């Protein structure tokens, strides 16, 4: 049936919030939960007027929290930030709880760069710096966004410019940043050393294969040169035999196999013995000066 006609304002939003929470937790109907959250946020109005009331702000924040969880359950986490910002418009207006969930979500899916500019804008806003949750959110932003991205200078600048922390807390955060910087440098050195170790191994393998291939081609060239000097004197059946043997060498043998080279060498010797046996001194071509 059609959805019930809700009373306008916060009563409608609160009822939709309760229904969305039931759909999320009890019925596991995540798509329907997102629809109820969207309807609840729309009922509160797009502008900042309803947010003058603390009750309005609380209901709207709760609707967004449920919506974020429902989107994440559907693996639609890429839509979370844009979905939230359509109701708060700018990052500075995000409630602390919503910002916290977004940071943790994008950190869990290993996409912390999504929250880089959003978190920076929120933390630099003077109105947000007076909130009681500011210190914990700054720490969350450092640990889950800046440090994993290697933004150590920005992290130090943010900590030193923060008036919420006392000198002892600042030193603790700066120590954490320094430790993370050292770990980052060690990982880079380990990665570079691993790449340098792989290069000589690769060159050695390629060099060995190239040497085997070169040896095989040299032996084949000798065989072909030996055959080319006498092809015009061979009968038709011997020509077919030579072609078949050449097919075995070129097509059927594995150039990288160590057992191929002795066989090719023996084949060359066989060709030479065949030419010596087939061609008598009378039929051998004259030696030219």
Protein backbone atom coordinates (compact mmCIF):
# COMPACT_ATOMS: atom_id res chain seq x y z
CA UNK A 1 0.00 0.00 0.00
CA UNK A 2 0.88 3.66 -0.06
CA UNK A 3 3.10 5.05 2.73
CA UNK A 4 1.14 6.79 5.52
CA UNK A 5 0.72 10.52 5.46
CA UNK A 6 3.07 11.77 8.15
CA UNK A 7 2.62 14.99 10.05
CA UNK A 8 5.07 17.66 8.90
CA UNK A 9 8.17 18.60 10.81
CA UNK A 10 10.08 16.76 13.48
CA UNK A 11 7.22 14.40 14.38
CA UNK A 12 7.25 12.96 10.87
CA UNK A 13 11.07 12.75 10.87
CA UNK A 14 11.11 10.99 14.24
CA UNK A 15 8.55 8.44 13.08
CA UNK A 16 10.55 7.79 9.89
CA UNK A 17 13.71 7.43 11.98
CA UNK A 18 12.10 4.76 14.14
CA UNK A 19 10.85 2.90 11.08
CA UNK A 20 14.26 3.14 9.38
CA UNK A 21 16.00 1.76 12.47
CA UNK A 22 13.61 -1.22 12.54
CA UNK A 23 14.19 -1.90 8.85
CA UNK A 24 17.94 -1.76 9.37
CA UNK A 25 18.27 -3.87 12.50
CA UNK A 26 15.26 -6.18 12.57
CA UNK A 27 14.23 -6.68 8.95
CA UNK A 28 17.64 -6.13 7.30
CA UNK A 29 15.89 -4.26 4.51
CA UNK A 30 18.67 -1.77 3.85
CA UNK A 31 17.22 -0.16 0.71
CA UNK A 32 13.93 0.60 2.48
CA UNK A 33 15.86 1.97 5.46
CA UNK A 34 17.70 4.41 3.18
CA UNK A 35 14.40 5.51 1.65
CA UNK A 36 12.93 6.26 5.10
CA UNK A 37 16.05 8.23 6.08
CA UNK A 38 15.84 10.30 2.91
CA UNK A 39 12.17 11.00 3.51
CA UNK A 40 12.89 12.02 7.10
CA UNK A 41 15.69 14.41 6.12
CA UNK A 42 13.52 15.92 3.38
CA UNK A 43 10.72 16.51 5.87
CA UNK A 44 13.04 18.64 8.00
CA UNK A 45 13.66 21.04 5.14
CA UNK A 46 16.81 21.88 3.18
CA UNK A 47 17.81 25.09 4.90
CA UNK A 48 19.44 25.79 8.26
CA UNK A 49 16.17 27.03 9.78
CA UNK A 50 15.02 23.75 11.36
CA UNK A 51 18.49 23.17 12.76
CA UNK A 52 18.03 26.06 15.15
CA UNK A 53 16.17 23.57 17.29
CA UNK A 54 18.44 21.03 18.92
CA UNK A 55 15.78 18.38 18.51
CA UNK A 56 15.74 18.91 14.75
CA UNK A 57 19.51 18.59 14.55
CA UNK A 58 19.53 15.43 16.65
CA UNK A 59 16.86 13.69 14.54
CA UNK A 60 18.55 14.69 11.30
CA UNK A 61 21.92 13.40 12.53
CA UNK A 62 20.36 10.11 13.61
CA UNK A 63 18.68 9.71 10.22
CA UNK A 64 22.04 10.18 8.50
CA UNK A 65 23.74 7.70 10.84
CA UNK A 66 21.16 5.01 10.04
CA UNK A 67 21.41 5.85 6.33
CA UNK A 68 25.21 5.55 6.38
CA UNK A 69 25.01 2.14 8.02
CA UNK A 70 22.40 0.95 5.54
CA UNK A 71 24.45 2.12 2.54
CA UNK A 72 27.52 0.41 3.94
CA UNK A 73 25.58 -2.84 4.40
CA UNK A 74 24.66 -2.71 0.70
CA UNK A 75 28.32 -2.09 -0.22
CA UNK A 76 27.37 1.35 -1.49
CA UNK A 77 30.01 3.07 0.62
CA UNK A 78 31.19 5.17 -2.33
CA UNK A 79 27.90 7.08 -2.16
CA UNK A 80 28.05 7.82 1.56
CA UNK A 81 29.86 11.17 1.52
CA UNK A 82 27.86 12.67 -1.34
CA UNK A 83 24.64 11.30 0.18
CA UNK A 84 25.35 13.02 3.50
CA UNK A 85 26.48 16.30 1.94
CA UNK A 86 23.17 16.66 0.08
CA UNK A 87 21.59 17.29 3.48
CA UNK A 88 24.40 19.32 5.11
CA UNK A 89 25.71 21.01 1.94
CA UNK A 90 29.22 21.80 3.23
CA UNK A 91 31.69 19.68 5.27
CA UNK A 92 31.89 22.27 8.06
CA UNK A 93 28.23 21.63 8.95
CA UNK A 94 28.57 17.87 9.38
CA UNK A 95 27.71 16.69 12.92
CA UNK A 96 30.64 15.14 14.80
CA UNK A 97 29.01 11.70 14.83
CA UNK A 98 28.47 11.74 11.07
CA UNK A 99 32.04 12.88 10.42
CA UNK A 100 33.35 10.15 12.72
CA UNK A 101 31.40 7.45 10.88
CA UNK A 102 32.60 8.70 7.50
CA UNK A 103 36.25 8.71 8.59
CA UNK A 104 36.01 5.19 10.03
CA UNK A 105 34.12 3.88 7.00
CA UNK A 106 36.54 5.18 4.36
CA UNK A 107 39.47 4.08 6.49
CA UNK A 108 38.05 0.55 6.69
CA UNK A 109 37.68 0.31 2.90
CA UNK A 110 41.21 1.75 2.53
CA UNK A 111 40.11 4.96 0.83
CA UNK A 112 41.21 7.56 3.41
CA UNK A 113 41.93 10.15 0.72
CA UNK A 114 38.19 10.65 0.31
CA UNK A 115 38.07 12.31 3.72
CA UNK A 116 41.25 14.36 3.34
CA UNK A 117 39.71 17.67 2.29
CA UNK A 118 36.44 17.12 4.15
CA UNK A 119 38.16 16.47 7.47
CA UNK A 120 40.56 19.37 6.99
CA UNK A 121 37.72 21.79 6.28
CA UNK A 122 35.76 20.61 9.32
CA UNK A 123 38.73 20.80 11.71
CA UNK A 124 39.79 24.28 10.56
CA UNK A 125 36.33 25.71 11.11
CA UNK A 126 36.35 27.95 14.21
CA UNK A 127 32.81 27.01 15.22
CA UNK A 128 33.72 23.32 15.31
CA UNK A 129 36.82 23.93 17.42
CA UNK A 130 34.59 24.78 20.39
CA UNK A 131 32.76 21.45 20.26
CA UNK A 132 33.63 18.89 22.96
CA UNK A 133 34.18 16.22 20.31
CA UNK A 134 36.83 18.28 18.47
CA UNK A 135 39.87 16.72 20.15
CA UNK A 136 38.77 13.13 19.56
CA UNK A 137 37.90 13.88 15.92
CA UNK A 138 41.26 15.53 15.33
CA UNK A 139 42.99 12.45 16.70
CA UNK A 140 40.79 10.22 14.54
CA UNK A 141 41.62 12.31 11.46
CA UNK A 142 45.35 12.07 12.20
CA UNK A 143 45.40 8.32 12.78
CA UNK A 144 43.02 7.22 10.02
CA UNK A 145 43.56 9.83 7.29
CA UNK A 146 46.76 11.88 7.46
CA UNK A 147 49.23 9.28 8.71
CA UNK A 148 48.12 6.45 6.37
CA UNK A 149 48.51 8.88 3.46
CA UNK A 150 51.98 10.00 4.58
CA UNK A 151 50.86 13.61 5.21
CA UNK A 152 53.28 14.10 8.10
CA UNK A 153 53.94 17.82 7.63
CA UNK A 154 50.23 18.57 7.50
CA UNK A 155 49.69 16.47 10.63
CA UNK A 156 52.40 18.36 12.53
CA UNK A 157 51.01 21.70 11.40
CA UNK A 158 47.51 20.72 12.50
CA UNK A 159 48.66 19.59 15.93
CA UNK A 160 50.82 22.67 16.58
CA UNK A 161 48.02 24.99 15.53
CA UNK A 162 45.41 23.31 17.71
CA UNK A 163 44.48 25.24 20.87
CA UNK A 164 42.46 22.36 22.32
CA UNK A 165 45.52 20.33 23.29
CA UNK A 166 47.88 21.31 26.05
CA UNK A 167 51.65 21.06 25.61
CA UNK A 168 51.80 17.49 26.93
CA UNK A 169 49.11 16.30 24.52
CA UNK A 170 50.82 18.09 21.65
CA UNK A 171 54.12 16.37 22.43
CA UNK A 172 52.36 13.01 22.56
CA UNK A 173 50.76 13.58 19.15
CA UNK A 174 54.02 14.84 17.65
CA UNK A 175 55.76 11.73 18.98
CA UNK A 176 53.13 9.55 17.31
CA UNK A 177 53.64 11.42 14.04
CA UNK A 178 57.43 11.03 14.28
CA UNK A 179 57.09 7.30 14.93
CA UNK A 180 54.76 6.90 11.98
CA UNK A 181 57.19 8.84 9.76
CA UNK A 182 60.02 6.45 10.73
CA UNK A 183 57.88 3.42 10.01
CA UNK A 184 56.93 4.90 6.65
CA UNK A 185 60.62 5.47 5.79
CA UNK A 186 61.52 1.91 6.81
CA UNK A 187 58.76 0.51 4.63
CA UNK A 188 60.00 2.56 1.68
CA UNK A 189 63.56 1.29 2.21
CA UNK A 190 62.34 -2.30 2.46
CA UNK A 191 60.31 -1.90 -0.71
CA UNK A 192 63.25 -0.37 -2.58
CA UNK A 193 65.60 -3.11 -1.39
CA UNK A 194 63.14 -5.79 -2.53
CA UNK A 195 62.90 -4.19 -5.96
CA UNK A 196 66.70 -4.00 -6.24
CA UNK A 197 67.01 -7.68 -5.33
CA UNK A 198 64.48 -8.66 -7.97
CA UNK A 199 66.37 -6.89 -10.76
CA UNK A 200 69.59 -9.01 -10.65
CA UNK A 201 67.52 -12.20 -10.44
CA UNK A 202 65.49 -11.14 -13.45
CA UNK A 203 68.62 -10.21 -15.38
CA UNK A 204 70.24 -13.56 -14.51
CA UNK A 205 67.23 -15.54 -15.71
CA UNK A 206 66.90 -13.51 -18.88
CA UNK A 207 70.64 -13.79 -19.48
CA UNK A 208 70.55 -17.57 -19.15
CA UNK A 209 67.59 -17.86 -21.49
CA UNK A 210 69.20 -15.50 -23.99
CA UNK A 211 72.43 -17.54 -23.92
CA UNK A 212 70.55 -20.80 -24.51
CA UNK A 213 68.56 -19.25 -27.34
CA UNK A 214 71.72 -17.84 -28.90
CA UNK A 215 73.42 -21.25 -28.71
CA UNK A 216 70.43 -22.93 -30.31
CA UNK A 217 70.28 -20.39 -33.12
CA UNK A 218 74.02 -20.80 -33.75
CA UNK A 219 73.66 -24.56 -34.08
CA UNK A 220 70.65 -24.16 -36.34
CA UNK A 221 72.55 -21.72 -38.52
CA UNK A 222 75.37 -24.23 -38.92
CA UNK A 223 72.89 -26.96 -39.82
CA UNK A 224 71.10 -24.78 -42.34
CA UNK A 225 74.35 -23.63 -43.91
CA UNK A 226 75.52 -27.24 -44.19
CA UNK A 227 72.22 -28.25 -45.80
CA UNK A 228 72.06 -25.28 -48.15
CA UNK A 229 75.36 -26.21 -49.79
CA UNK A 230 73.98 -29.59 -50.87
CA UNK A 231 70.19 -29.20 -51.27
CA UNK A 232 70.40 -28.99 -55.02
CA UNK A 233 72.12 -32.44 -55.19
CA UNK A 234 69.69 -34.31 -52.88
CA UNK A 235 66.94 -36.55 -54.22
CA UNK A 236 63.35 -35.62 -53.52
CA UNK A 237 62.85 -38.10 -50.64
CA UNK A 238 65.99 -36.90 -48.86
CA UNK A 239 64.72 -33.34 -49.21
CA UNK A 240 61.51 -34.34 -47.42
CA UNK A 241 63.53 -36.05 -44.69
CA UNK A 242 65.63 -32.93 -44.17
CA UNK A 243 62.48 -30.79 -43.99
CA UNK A 244 60.95 -33.09 -41.39
CA UNK A 245 64.07 -33.03 -39.26
CA UNK A 246 64.18 -29.25 -39.48
CA UNK A 247 60.53 -29.18 -38.32
CA UNK A 248 61.48 -31.25 -35.29
CA UNK A 249 64.23 -28.82 -34.39
CA UNK A 250 62.36 -25.56 -34.90
CA UNK A 251 58.79 -26.43 -33.86
CA UNK A 252 58.80 -29.41 -31.53
CA UNK A 253 61.84 -28.65 -29.39
CA UNK A 254 61.64 -26.35 -26.40
CA UNK A 255 64.48 -23.79 -26.71
CA UNK A 256 64.54 -23.26 -22.95
CA UNK A 257 64.88 -26.97 -22.19
CA UNK A 258 68.44 -28.07 -21.29
CA UNK A 259 67.85 -31.38 -23.06
CA UNK A 260 67.28 -29.65 -26.41
CA UNK A 261 70.84 -28.46 -26.98
CA UNK A 262 72.59 -31.89 -26.96
CA UNK A 263 69.97 -33.23 -29.34
CA UNK A 264 70.46 -30.32 -31.73
CA UNK A 265 74.19 -30.81 -31.60
CA UNK A 266 73.82 -34.51 -32.41
CA UNK A 267 71.43 -33.61 -35.21
CA UNK A 268 74.04 -31.35 -36.75
CA UNK A 269 76.57 -34.18 -36.60
CA UNK A 270 73.99 -36.48 -38.19
CA UNK A 271 73.47 -34.05 -41.06
CA UNK A 272 77.18 -33.84 -41.68
CA UNK A 273 77.55 -37.63 -41.68
CA UNK A 274 74.55 -37.94 -44.01
CA UNK A 275 76.01 -35.52 -46.52
CA UNK A 276 79.36 -37.32 -46.40
CA UNK A 277 77.70 -40.71 -46.95
CA UNK A 278 75.23 -39.63 -49.63
CA UNK A 279 77.55 -37.48 -51.68
CA UNK A 280 80.44 -39.35 -53.15
CA UNK A 281 83.59 -37.49 -54.13
CA UNK A 282 82.37 -37.57 -57.74
CA UNK A 283 79.12 -35.76 -56.95
CA UNK A 284 80.52 -33.26 -54.51
CA UNK A 285 80.60 -29.74 -55.86
CA UNK A 286 83.99 -28.52 -57.00
CA UNK A 287 86.00 -26.37 -54.66
CA UNK A 288 86.09 -22.83 -55.92
CA UNK A 289 89.04 -20.56 -55.48
